[in-house]
Amino acid sequence: MQLGKVFPSILKNTIECSFVKEDSIPIGSSKFGGQPDLTVKSRPLSFLAQINCQEISKYDTESLLPASGILYFFYELDSMSWGFDPKDAGSAKVFYYEGDISKLARVDFPADLEEDYQMPELKIQLSNRNDLPSYEEFSSDFEYDDIGDKEMDDYDDIRENYLNTEEKNTISKILGYADVIQGEMRLECEEIANSIYCGSPQDIDSEKFVKLKQDSKQWQLLFQLDTVECDDFELMFGDCGRIYYYIRKDDLRNRKFDNCWLILQCY
């Protein structure tokens, strides 16, 4: 398979997340929903997940995440903003706490957060595997001459066969590549960062577009959250959609998680 020759250069490690019910989850542990473990209360966004970086470090084979501390993921479930408008800023947040875990406390939900947007608490189970980009991201970064026409045309099938993810109904994961639904998102992130509205076609100067396209390659997936189901609970984004938290590579290296951007895609 000719495509195999480029796998070493494009394979990324991804950390898959599955969610299971557990009676008692220790403070500071990785989890979905419930009440966040914080030192201060946050604004009334829905708390989705917290990731203990020390717990996840053995799965982070590329050492992209901090070695310790906790990452928190919040989203405004009431509006479920799509992230194509710069005005969506503030509807999703990522916080990083790098202090002493023993000083954390399980805080109450904000008084003005409706009960429908208070998530049940679920344990996150972690595992990791190799990951490959979607066709859209792959074709954006590689030239046909580098791969071969047939391999390029058959890439989606090759990817599915290699990853063996076709039997999975949902895929939630940390790092790696996004499993896209409505197309590649890195350019959208870069356009939003430059205050460009992405909800409809925009006239962009060709020279500026080339720079936007080049700079968009600095964005990478931080966290992808798919539908979450447990017993009679279900959290779905749009019509069987996903939300994607993106971050620039430099910001990830420098632990500037405030600069993340969220995009929602659905079928």
C-alpha atoms as a PDB file:
ATOM      1  CA  MET A   1       0.000   0.000   0.000  1.00  0.00           C
ATOM      2  CA  GLN A   2       1.727   3.120  -1.242  1.00  0.00           C
ATOM      3  CA  LEU A   3       0.107   5.340   1.374  1.00  0.00           C
ATOM      4  CA  GLY A   4       1.922   3.428   4.091  1.00  0.00           C
ATOM      5  CA  LYS A   5       5.158   5.223   3.276  1.00  0.00           C
ATOM      6  CA  VAL A   6       3.765   8.511   4.632  1.00  0.00           C
ATOM      7  CA  PHE A   7       2.103   7.107   7.761  1.00  0.00           C
ATOM      8  CA  PRO A   8       5.105   7.771  10.025  1.00  0.00           C
ATOM      9  CA  SER A   9       4.932  11.469   9.162  1.00  0.00           C
ATOM     10  CA  ILE A  10       1.199  11.904   9.708  1.00  0.00           C
ATOM     11  CA  LEU A  11       0.319   9.466  12.486  1.00  0.00           C
ATOM     12  CA  LYS A  12      -0.644  11.147  15.733  1.00  0.00           C
ATOM     13  CA  ASN A  13      -1.401   9.688  19.117  1.00  0.00           C
ATOM     14  CA  THR A  14      -4.976  10.159  20.262  1.00  0.00           C
ATOM     15  CA  ILE A  15      -6.437   9.385  23.680  1.00  0.00           C
ATOM     16  CA  GLU A  16      -9.915   7.937  23.486  1.00  0.00           C
ATOM     17  CA  CYS A  17     -12.453   8.634  26.218  1.00  0.00           C
ATOM     18  CA  SER A  18     -15.349   6.437  27.241  1.00  0.00           C
ATOM     19  CA  PHE A  19     -17.801   7.285  29.994  1.00  0.00           C
ATOM     20  CA  VAL A  20     -19.061   4.935  32.685  1.00  0.00           C
ATOM     21  CA  LYS A  21     -21.129   5.320  35.820  1.00  0.00           C
ATOM     22  CA  GLU A  22     -19.254   5.098  39.109  1.00  0.00           C
ATOM     23  CA  ASP A  23     -20.626   5.625  42.606  1.00  0.00           C
ATOM     24  CA  SER A  24     -17.812   7.782  43.921  1.00  0.00           C
ATOM     25  CA  ILE A  25     -15.193   9.645  41.878  1.00  0.00           C
ATOM     26  CA  PRO A  26     -12.306  11.110  43.930  1.00  0.00           C
ATOM     27  CA  ILE A  27     -11.768  14.855  43.835  1.00  0.00           C
ATOM     28  CA  GLY A  28      -9.304  15.808  41.110  1.00  0.00           C
ATOM     29  CA  SER A  29      -9.974  12.724  38.973  1.00  0.00           C
ATOM     30  CA  SER A  30     -10.737  12.826  35.277  1.00  0.00           C
ATOM     31  CA  LYS A  31     -14.500  12.822  34.779  1.00  0.00           C
ATOM     32  CA  PHE A  32     -17.451  13.973  32.706  1.00  0.00           C
ATOM     33  CA  GLY A  33     -20.105  16.203  34.227  1.00  0.00           C
ATOM     34  CA  GLY A  34     -21.193  16.426  37.819  1.00  0.00           C
ATOM     35  CA  GLN A  35     -19.776  19.282  39.828  1.00  0.00           C
ATOM     36  CA  PRO A  36     -16.290  20.514  38.934  1.00  0.00           C
ATOM     37  CA  ASP A  37     -13.411  20.360  41.385  1.00  0.00           C
ATOM     38  CA  LEU A  38     -12.165  23.937  41.571  1.00  0.00           C
ATOM     39  CA  THR A  39     -10.583  26.487  43.853  1.00  0.00           C
ATOM     40  CA  VAL A  40     -13.024  29.183  42.712  1.00  0.00           C
ATOM     41  CA  LYS A  41     -16.444  29.167  41.083  1.00  0.00           C
ATOM     42  CA  SER A  42     -16.682  29.775  37.364  1.00  0.00           C
ATOM     43  CA  ARG A  43     -19.204  31.662  35.252  1.00  0.00           C
ATOM     44  CA  PRO A  44     -22.477  29.793  34.607  1.00  0.00           C
ATOM     45  CA  LEU A  45     -21.405  27.622  31.687  1.00  0.00           C
ATOM     46  CA  SER A  46     -22.158  23.909  31.752  1.00  0.00           C
ATOM     47  CA  PHE A  47     -19.259  21.890  33.101  1.00  0.00           C
ATOM     48  CA  LEU A  48     -18.535  19.064  30.668  1.00  0.00           C
ATOM     49  CA  ALA A  49     -15.290  17.437  31.694  1.00  0.00           C
ATOM     50  CA  GLN A  50     -12.117  17.685  33.716  1.00  0.00           C
ATOM     51  CA  ILE A  51      -8.923  15.859  32.778  1.00  0.00           C
ATOM     52  CA  ASN A  52      -6.288  15.081  35.364  1.00  0.00           C
ATOM     53  CA  CYS A  53      -3.060  15.527  33.398  1.00  0.00           C
ATOM     54  CA  GLN A  54      -1.078  13.195  35.637  1.00  0.00           C
ATOM     55  CA  GLU A  55      -3.659  10.427  35.082  1.00  0.00           C
ATOM     56  CA  ILE A  56      -3.557  10.908  31.334  1.00  0.00           C
ATOM     57  CA  SER A  57       0.217  11.299  30.994  1.00  0.00           C
ATOM     58  CA  LYS A  58       0.882   7.597  30.330  1.00  0.00           C
ATOM     59  CA  TYR A  59      -1.441   7.793  27.318  1.00  0.00           C
ATOM     60  CA  ASP A  60       0.058  11.079  26.067  1.00  0.00           C
ATOM     61  CA  THR A  61       2.947   9.440  24.211  1.00  0.00           C
ATOM     62  CA  GLU A  62       3.869  12.682  22.429  1.00  0.00           C
ATOM     63  CA  SER A  63       3.999  14.609  25.754  1.00  0.00           C
ATOM     64  CA  LEU A  64       1.840  17.420  24.408  1.00  0.00           C
ATOM     65  CA  LEU A  65      -0.197  17.998  27.565  1.00  0.00           C
ATOM     66  CA  PRO A  66       1.112  19.298  30.888  1.00  0.00           C
ATOM     67  CA  ALA A  67       2.525  16.557  33.113  1.00  0.00           C
ATOM     68  CA  SER A  68       0.345  17.626  36.033  1.00  0.00           C
ATOM     69  CA  GLY A  69      -2.635  19.794  36.848  1.00  0.00           C
ATOM     70  CA  ILE A  70      -6.213  19.676  35.571  1.00  0.00           C
ATOM     71  CA  LEU A  71      -7.849  20.806  32.347  1.00  0.00           C
ATOM     72  CA  TYR A  72     -11.503  21.880  32.576  1.00  0.00           C
ATOM     73  CA  PHE A  73     -13.897  22.065  29.623  1.00  0.00           C
ATOM     74  CA  PHE A  74     -17.023  24.248  29.741  1.00  0.00           C
ATOM     75  CA  TYR A  75     -19.710  25.004  27.165  1.00  0.00           C
ATOM     76  CA  GLU A  76     -22.940  26.972  27.013  1.00  0.00           C
ATOM     77  CA  LEU A  77     -25.396  24.154  26.354  1.00  0.00           C
ATOM     78  CA  ASP A  78     -28.362  26.527  26.333  1.00  0.00           C
ATOM     79  CA  SER A  79     -27.228  28.264  23.126  1.00  0.00           C
ATOM     80  CA  MET A  80     -25.033  25.470  21.704  1.00  0.00           C
ATOM     81  CA  SER A  81     -23.159  28.037  19.642  1.00  0.00           C
ATOM     82  CA  TRP A  82     -21.559  26.679  16.471  1.00  0.00           C
ATOM     83  CA  GLY A  83     -18.360  28.695  16.683  1.00  0.00           C
ATOM     84  CA  PHE A  84     -18.565  30.293  13.228  1.00  0.00           C
ATOM     85  CA  ASP A  85     -19.066  33.795  14.637  1.00  0.00           C
ATOM     86  CA  PRO A  86     -16.375  35.745  16.523  1.00  0.00           C
ATOM     87  CA  LYS A  87     -19.233  36.835  18.797  1.00  0.00           C
ATOM     88  CA  ASP A  88     -19.415  33.246  20.059  1.00  0.00           C
ATOM     89  CA  ALA A  89     -16.357  34.016  22.205  1.00  0.00           C
ATOM     90  CA  GLY A  90     -17.101  33.158  25.826  1.00  0.00           C
ATOM     91  CA  SER A  91     -19.642  30.441  25.038  1.00  0.00           C
ATOM     92  CA  ALA A  92     -16.946  27.799  25.522  1.00  0.00           C
ATOM     93  CA  LYS A  93     -13.960  27.863  27.841  1.00  0.00           C
ATOM     94  CA  VAL A  94     -10.956  25.757  28.754  1.00  0.00           C
ATOM     95  CA  PHE A  95      -9.260  26.384  32.077  1.00  0.00           C
ATOM     96  CA  TYR A  96      -5.984  24.952  33.324  1.00  0.00           C
ATOM     97  CA  TYR A  97      -5.194  24.552  37.014  1.00  0.00           C
ATOM     98  CA  GLU A  98      -1.588  23.697  37.805  1.00  0.00           C
ATOM     99  CA  GLY A  99      -1.726  23.986  41.598  1.00  0.00           C
ATOM    100  CA  ASP A 100      -2.018  21.512  44.438  1.00  0.00           C
ATOM    101  CA  ILE A 101      -4.770  18.944  43.764  1.00  0.00           C
ATOM    102  CA  SER A 102      -5.365  18.569  47.521  1.00  0.00           C
ATOM    103  CA  LYS A 103      -6.641  22.159  47.629  1.00  0.00           C
ATOM    104  CA  LEU A 104      -9.496  21.456  45.243  1.00  0.00           C
ATOM    105  CA  ALA A 105     -13.090  21.220  46.408  1.00  0.00           C
ATOM    106  CA  ARG A 106     -16.223  20.032  44.663  1.00  0.00           C
ATOM    107  CA  VAL A 107     -18.169  23.232  44.074  1.00  0.00           C
ATOM    108  CA  ASP A 108     -21.915  23.658  43.669  1.00  0.00           C
ATOM    109  CA  PHE A 109     -23.512  24.347  40.319  1.00  0.00           C
ATOM    110  CA  PRO A 110     -24.024  28.066  39.656  1.00  0.00           C
ATOM    111  CA  ALA A 111     -27.366  29.204  41.038  1.00  0.00           C
ATOM    112  CA  ASP A 112     -28.483  30.479  37.628  1.00  0.00           C
ATOM    113  CA  LEU A 113     -27.573  27.300  35.716  1.00  0.00           C
ATOM    114  CA  GLU A 114     -30.768  25.438  34.810  1.00  0.00           C
ATOM    115  CA  GLU A 115     -31.029  21.830  35.927  1.00  0.00           C
ATOM    116  CA  ASP A 116     -31.223  20.595  32.313  1.00  0.00           C
ATOM    117  CA  TYR A 117     -27.695  21.882  31.793  1.00  0.00           C
ATOM    118  CA  GLN A 118     -26.218  20.205  34.869  1.00  0.00           C
ATOM    119  CA  MET A 119     -24.551  17.026  33.672  1.00  0.00           C
ATOM    120  CA  PRO A 120     -24.553  13.747  35.626  1.00  0.00           C
ATOM    121  CA  GLU A 121     -21.165  12.639  36.875  1.00  0.00           C
ATOM    122  CA  LEU A 122     -19.452   9.880  34.889  1.00  0.00           C
ATOM    123  CA  LYS A 123     -15.996   8.380  35.129  1.00  0.00           C
ATOM    124  CA  ILE A 124     -13.753   8.776  32.091  1.00  0.00           C
ATOM    125  CA  GLN A 125     -11.932   5.654  30.962  1.00  0.00           C
ATOM    126  CA  LEU A 126      -8.850   6.305  28.834  1.00  0.00           C
ATOM    127  CA  SER A 127      -7.023   4.392  26.125  1.00  0.00           C
ATOM    128  CA  ASN A 128      -4.799   5.457  23.265  1.00  0.00           C
ATOM    129  CA  ARG A 129      -4.166   4.503  19.648  1.00  0.00           C
ATOM    130  CA  ASN A 130      -2.676   5.874  16.444  1.00  0.00           C
ATOM    131  CA  ASP A 131      -4.780   8.410  14.557  1.00  0.00           C
ATOM    132  CA  LEU A 132      -4.929   9.637  10.966  1.00  0.00           C
ATOM    133  CA  PRO A 133      -6.410  12.877   9.616  1.00  0.00           C
ATOM    134  CA  SER A 134      -9.716  13.150   7.789  1.00  0.00           C
ATOM    135  CA  TYR A 135      -9.569  13.245   3.991  1.00  0.00           C
ATOM    136  CA  GLU A 136     -10.109  17.021   4.094  1.00  0.00           C
ATOM    137  CA  GLU A 137      -7.175  17.646   6.409  1.00  0.00           C
ATOM    138  CA  PHE A 138      -5.000  15.080   4.647  1.00  0.00           C
ATOM    139  CA  SER A 139      -5.623  16.541   1.191  1.00  0.00           C
ATOM    140  CA  SER A 140      -4.992  20.038   2.537  1.00  0.00           C
ATOM    141  CA  ASP A 141      -1.521  19.143   3.825  1.00  0.00           C
ATOM    142  CA  PHE A 142      -0.261  16.675   1.205  1.00  0.00           C
ATOM    143  CA  GLU A 143       0.116  16.930  -2.547  1.00  0.00           C
ATOM    144  CA  TYR A 144      -1.230  14.254  -4.887  1.00  0.00           C
ATOM    145  CA  ASP A 145       2.260  13.749  -6.310  1.00  0.00           C
ATOM    146  CA  ASP A 146       3.502  12.746  -2.854  1.00  0.00           C
ATOM    147  CA  ILE A 147       0.913  10.017  -2.393  1.00  0.00           C
ATOM    148  CA  GLY A 148      -0.464   8.790  -5.689  1.00  0.00           C
ATOM    149  CA  ASP A 149      -3.861   9.412  -7.279  1.00  0.00           C
ATOM    150  CA  LYS A 150      -5.385   6.060  -6.380  1.00  0.00           C
ATOM    151  CA  GLU A 151      -4.300   6.234  -2.743  1.00  0.00           C
ATOM    152  CA  MET A 152      -5.629   9.789  -2.518  1.00  0.00           C
ATOM    153  CA  ASP A 153      -8.960   8.754  -4.032  1.00  0.00           C
ATOM    154  CA  ASP A 154      -9.204   5.753  -1.701  1.00  0.00           C
ATOM    155  CA  TYR A 155      -7.934   7.562   1.376  1.00  0.00           C
ATOM    156  CA  ASP A 156     -11.184   7.452   3.376  1.00  0.00           C
ATOM    157  CA  ASP A 157     -11.371   3.665   2.999  1.00  0.00           C
ATOM    158  CA  ILE A 158      -7.683   3.269   3.797  1.00  0.00           C
ATOM    159  CA  ARG A 159      -8.100   5.423   6.899  1.00  0.00           C
ATOM    160  CA  GLU A 160     -11.119   3.479   8.151  1.00  0.00           C
ATOM    161  CA  ASN A 161      -9.422   0.131   7.553  1.00  0.00           C
ATOM    162  CA  TYR A 162      -6.269   1.267   9.321  1.00  0.00           C
ATOM    163  CA  LEU A 163      -8.022   2.821  12.317  1.00  0.00           C
ATOM    164  CA  ASN A 164     -10.791   0.230  12.518  1.00  0.00           C
ATOM    165  CA  THR A 165     -13.225   2.839  13.881  1.00  0.00           C
ATOM    166  CA  GLU A 166     -16.166   2.071  11.606  1.00  0.00           C
ATOM    167  CA  GLU A 167     -17.916   0.020  14.318  1.00  0.00           C
ATOM    168  CA  LYS A 168     -17.813   2.868  16.835  1.00  0.00           C
ATOM    169  CA  ASN A 169     -21.012   4.884  17.100  1.00  0.00           C
ATOM    170  CA  THR A 170     -19.334   7.717  18.991  1.00  0.00           C
ATOM    171  CA  ILE A 171     -15.737   8.869  19.316  1.00  0.00           C
ATOM    172  CA  SER A 172     -14.685  11.192  22.119  1.00  0.00           C
ATOM    173  CA  LYS A 173     -10.970  11.794  22.375  1.00  0.00           C
ATOM    174  CA  ILE A 174      -8.121  14.058  23.376  1.00  0.00           C
ATOM    175  CA  LEU A 175      -5.455  15.137  20.859  1.00  0.00           C
ATOM    176  CA  GLY A 176      -4.954  13.444  17.507  1.00  0.00           C
ATOM    177  CA  TYR A 177      -7.069  14.497  14.534  1.00  0.00           C
ATOM    178  CA  ALA A 178     -10.705  15.587  14.421  1.00  0.00           C
ATOM    179  CA  ASP A 179     -13.288  13.192  13.030  1.00  0.00           C
ATOM    180  CA  VAL A 180     -14.969  15.803  10.867  1.00  0.00           C
ATOM    181  CA  ILE A 181     -18.639  15.866   9.879  1.00  0.00           C
ATOM    182  CA  GLN A 182     -18.967  19.048   7.829  1.00  0.00           C
ATOM    183  CA  GLY A 183     -15.404  19.621   6.710  1.00  0.00           C
ATOM    184  CA  GLU A 184     -11.990  20.720   7.915  1.00  0.00           C
ATOM    185  CA  MET A 185     -12.043  23.253  10.780  1.00  0.00           C
ATOM    186  CA  ARG A 186      -8.525  24.614  11.163  1.00  0.00           C
ATOM    187  CA  LEU A 187      -9.059  27.393   8.605  1.00  0.00           C
ATOM    188  CA  GLU A 188     -12.287  28.351  10.338  1.00  0.00           C
ATOM    189  CA  CYS A 189     -10.409  28.664  13.633  1.00  0.00           C
ATOM    190  CA  GLU A 190      -7.820  30.924  12.023  1.00  0.00           C
ATOM    191  CA  GLU A 191     -10.453  33.068  10.333  1.00  0.00           C
ATOM    192  CA  ILE A 192     -12.326  33.491  13.605  1.00  0.00           C
ATOM    193  CA  ALA A 193      -9.040  34.455  15.298  1.00  0.00           C
ATOM    194  CA  ASN A 194      -8.803  37.204  12.673  1.00  0.00           C
ATOM    195  CA  SER A 195     -12.384  38.385  13.383  1.00  0.00           C
ATOM    196  CA  ILE A 196     -13.788  36.912  10.153  1.00  0.00           C
ATOM    197  CA  TYR A 197     -17.386  35.676  10.275  1.00  0.00           C
ATOM    198  CA  CYS A 198     -17.633  32.128   8.890  1.00  0.00           C
ATOM    199  CA  GLY A 199     -21.398  31.664   8.792  1.00  0.00           C
ATOM    200  CA  SER A 200     -21.592  32.704   5.125  1.00  0.00           C
ATOM    201  CA  PRO A 201     -19.100  33.137   2.269  1.00  0.00           C
ATOM    202  CA  GLN A 202     -16.804  36.130   2.682  1.00  0.00           C
ATOM    203  CA  ASP A 203     -14.724  38.009   0.135  1.00  0.00           C
ATOM    204  CA  ILE A 204     -11.159  37.653   1.357  1.00  0.00           C
ATOM    205  CA  ASP A 205      -8.174  39.130  -0.441  1.00  0.00           C
ATOM    206  CA  SER A 206      -6.242  36.311  -2.124  1.00  0.00           C
ATOM    207  CA  GLU A 207      -2.951  37.216  -0.455  1.00  0.00           C
ATOM    208  CA  LYS A 208      -4.619  37.333   2.948  1.00  0.00           C
ATOM    209  CA  PHE A 209      -6.353  34.011   2.280  1.00  0.00           C
ATOM    210  CA  VAL A 210      -3.021  32.334   1.471  1.00  0.00           C
ATOM    211  CA  LYS A 211      -1.654  33.518   4.814  1.00  0.00           C
ATOM    212  CA  LEU A 212      -4.782  32.406   6.657  1.00  0.00           C
ATOM    213  CA  LYS A 213      -4.490  28.988   5.038  1.00  0.00           C
ATOM    214  CA  GLN A 214      -0.843  28.656   5.997  1.00  0.00           C
ATOM    215  CA  ASP A 215      -1.401  29.860   9.568  1.00  0.00           C
ATOM    216  CA  SER A 216      -4.378  27.523   9.958  1.00  0.00           C
ATOM    217  CA  LYS A 217      -1.961  24.594  10.096  1.00  0.00           C
ATOM    218  CA  GLN A 218      -0.902  25.834  13.546  1.00  0.00           C
ATOM    219  CA  TRP A 219      -4.275  24.743  14.952  1.00  0.00           C
ATOM    220  CA  GLN A 220      -4.793  21.255  16.291  1.00  0.00           C
ATOM    221  CA  LEU A 221      -7.491  19.297  18.056  1.00  0.00           C
ATOM    222  CA  LEU A 222      -7.389  19.409  21.857  1.00  0.00           C
ATOM    223  CA  PHE A 223     -10.651  17.649  22.776  1.00  0.00           C
ATOM    224  CA  GLN A 224     -13.447  16.115  20.720  1.00  0.00           C
ATOM    225  CA  LEU A 225     -16.688  15.301  22.543  1.00  0.00           C
ATOM    226  CA  ASP A 226     -19.264  13.121  20.853  1.00  0.00           C
ATOM    227  CA  THR A 227     -22.721  12.095  22.110  1.00  0.00           C
ATOM    228  CA  VAL A 228     -22.548  10.950  25.738  1.00  0.00           C
ATOM    229  CA  GLU A 229     -25.015   8.270  26.854  1.00  0.00           C
ATOM    230  CA  CYS A 230     -25.444   6.434  30.140  1.00  0.00           C
ATOM    231  CA  ASP A 231     -28.636   4.736  31.352  1.00  0.00           C
ATOM    232  CA  ASP A 232     -31.436   7.198  30.531  1.00  0.00           C
ATOM    233  CA  PHE A 233     -29.095  10.182  30.074  1.00  0.00           C
ATOM    234  CA  GLU A 234     -28.085  11.450  26.639  1.00  0.00           C
ATOM    235  CA  LEU A 235     -26.178  14.575  25.657  1.00  0.00           C
ATOM    236  CA  MET A 236     -26.224  15.147  21.906  1.00  0.00           C
ATOM    237  CA  PHE A 237     -24.826  18.119  19.997  1.00  0.00           C
ATOM    238  CA  GLY A 238     -27.250  19.063  17.242  1.00  0.00           C
ATOM    239  CA  ASP A 239     -28.239  16.072  15.100  1.00  0.00           C
ATOM    240  CA  CYS A 240     -25.761  13.385  16.183  1.00  0.00           C
ATOM    241  CA  GLY A 241     -22.986  15.975  16.165  1.00  0.00           C
ATOM    242  CA  ARG A 242     -19.737  16.639  17.972  1.00  0.00           C
ATOM    243  CA  ILE A 243     -18.008  19.592  19.556  1.00  0.00           C
ATOM    244  CA  TYR A 244     -14.325  20.209  18.942  1.00  0.00           C
ATOM    245  CA  TYR A 245     -11.984  22.289  21.091  1.00  0.00           C
ATOM    246  CA  TYR A 246      -9.054  23.534  19.004  1.00  0.00           C
ATOM    247  CA  ILE A 247      -5.837  25.171  20.156  1.00  0.00           C
ATOM    248  CA  ARG A 248      -2.767  26.588  18.408  1.00  0.00           C
ATOM    249  CA  LYS A 249       0.334  24.437  18.768  1.00  0.00           C
ATOM    250  CA  ASP A 250       2.300  27.311  20.309  1.00  0.00           C
ATOM    251  CA  ASP A 251      -0.474  27.957  22.828  1.00  0.00           C
ATOM    252  CA  LEU A 252      -0.518  24.276  23.752  1.00  0.00           C
ATOM    253  CA  ARG A 253       3.248  24.310  24.300  1.00  0.00           C
ATOM    254  CA  ASN A 254       2.966  27.501  26.379  1.00  0.00           C
ATOM    255  CA  ARG A 255      -0.114  26.263  28.309  1.00  0.00           C
ATOM    256  CA  LYS A 256      -2.287  29.137  27.071  1.00  0.00           C
ATOM    257  CA  PHE A 257      -5.550  27.241  27.164  1.00  0.00           C
ATOM    258  CA  ASP A 258      -7.582  30.451  27.352  1.00  0.00           C
ATOM    259  CA  ASN A 259      -7.009  30.786  23.598  1.00  0.00           C
ATOM    260  CA  CYS A 260      -8.951  27.643  22.615  1.00  0.00           C
ATOM    261  CA  TRP A 261     -11.829  27.818  20.170  1.00  0.00           C
ATOM    262  CA  LEU A 262     -14.877  25.525  19.974  1.00  0.00           C
ATOM    263  CA  ILE A 263     -16.705  24.432  16.808  1.00  0.00           C
ATOM    264  CA  LEU A 264     -19.872  22.344  16.642  1.00  0.00           C
ATOM    265  CA  GLN A 265     -20.601  20.146  13.639  1.00  0.00           C
ATOM    266  CA  CYS A 266     -23.520  17.783  13.073  1.00  0.00           C
ATOM    267  CA  TYR A 267     -25.177  15.744  10.338  1.00  0.00           C
END
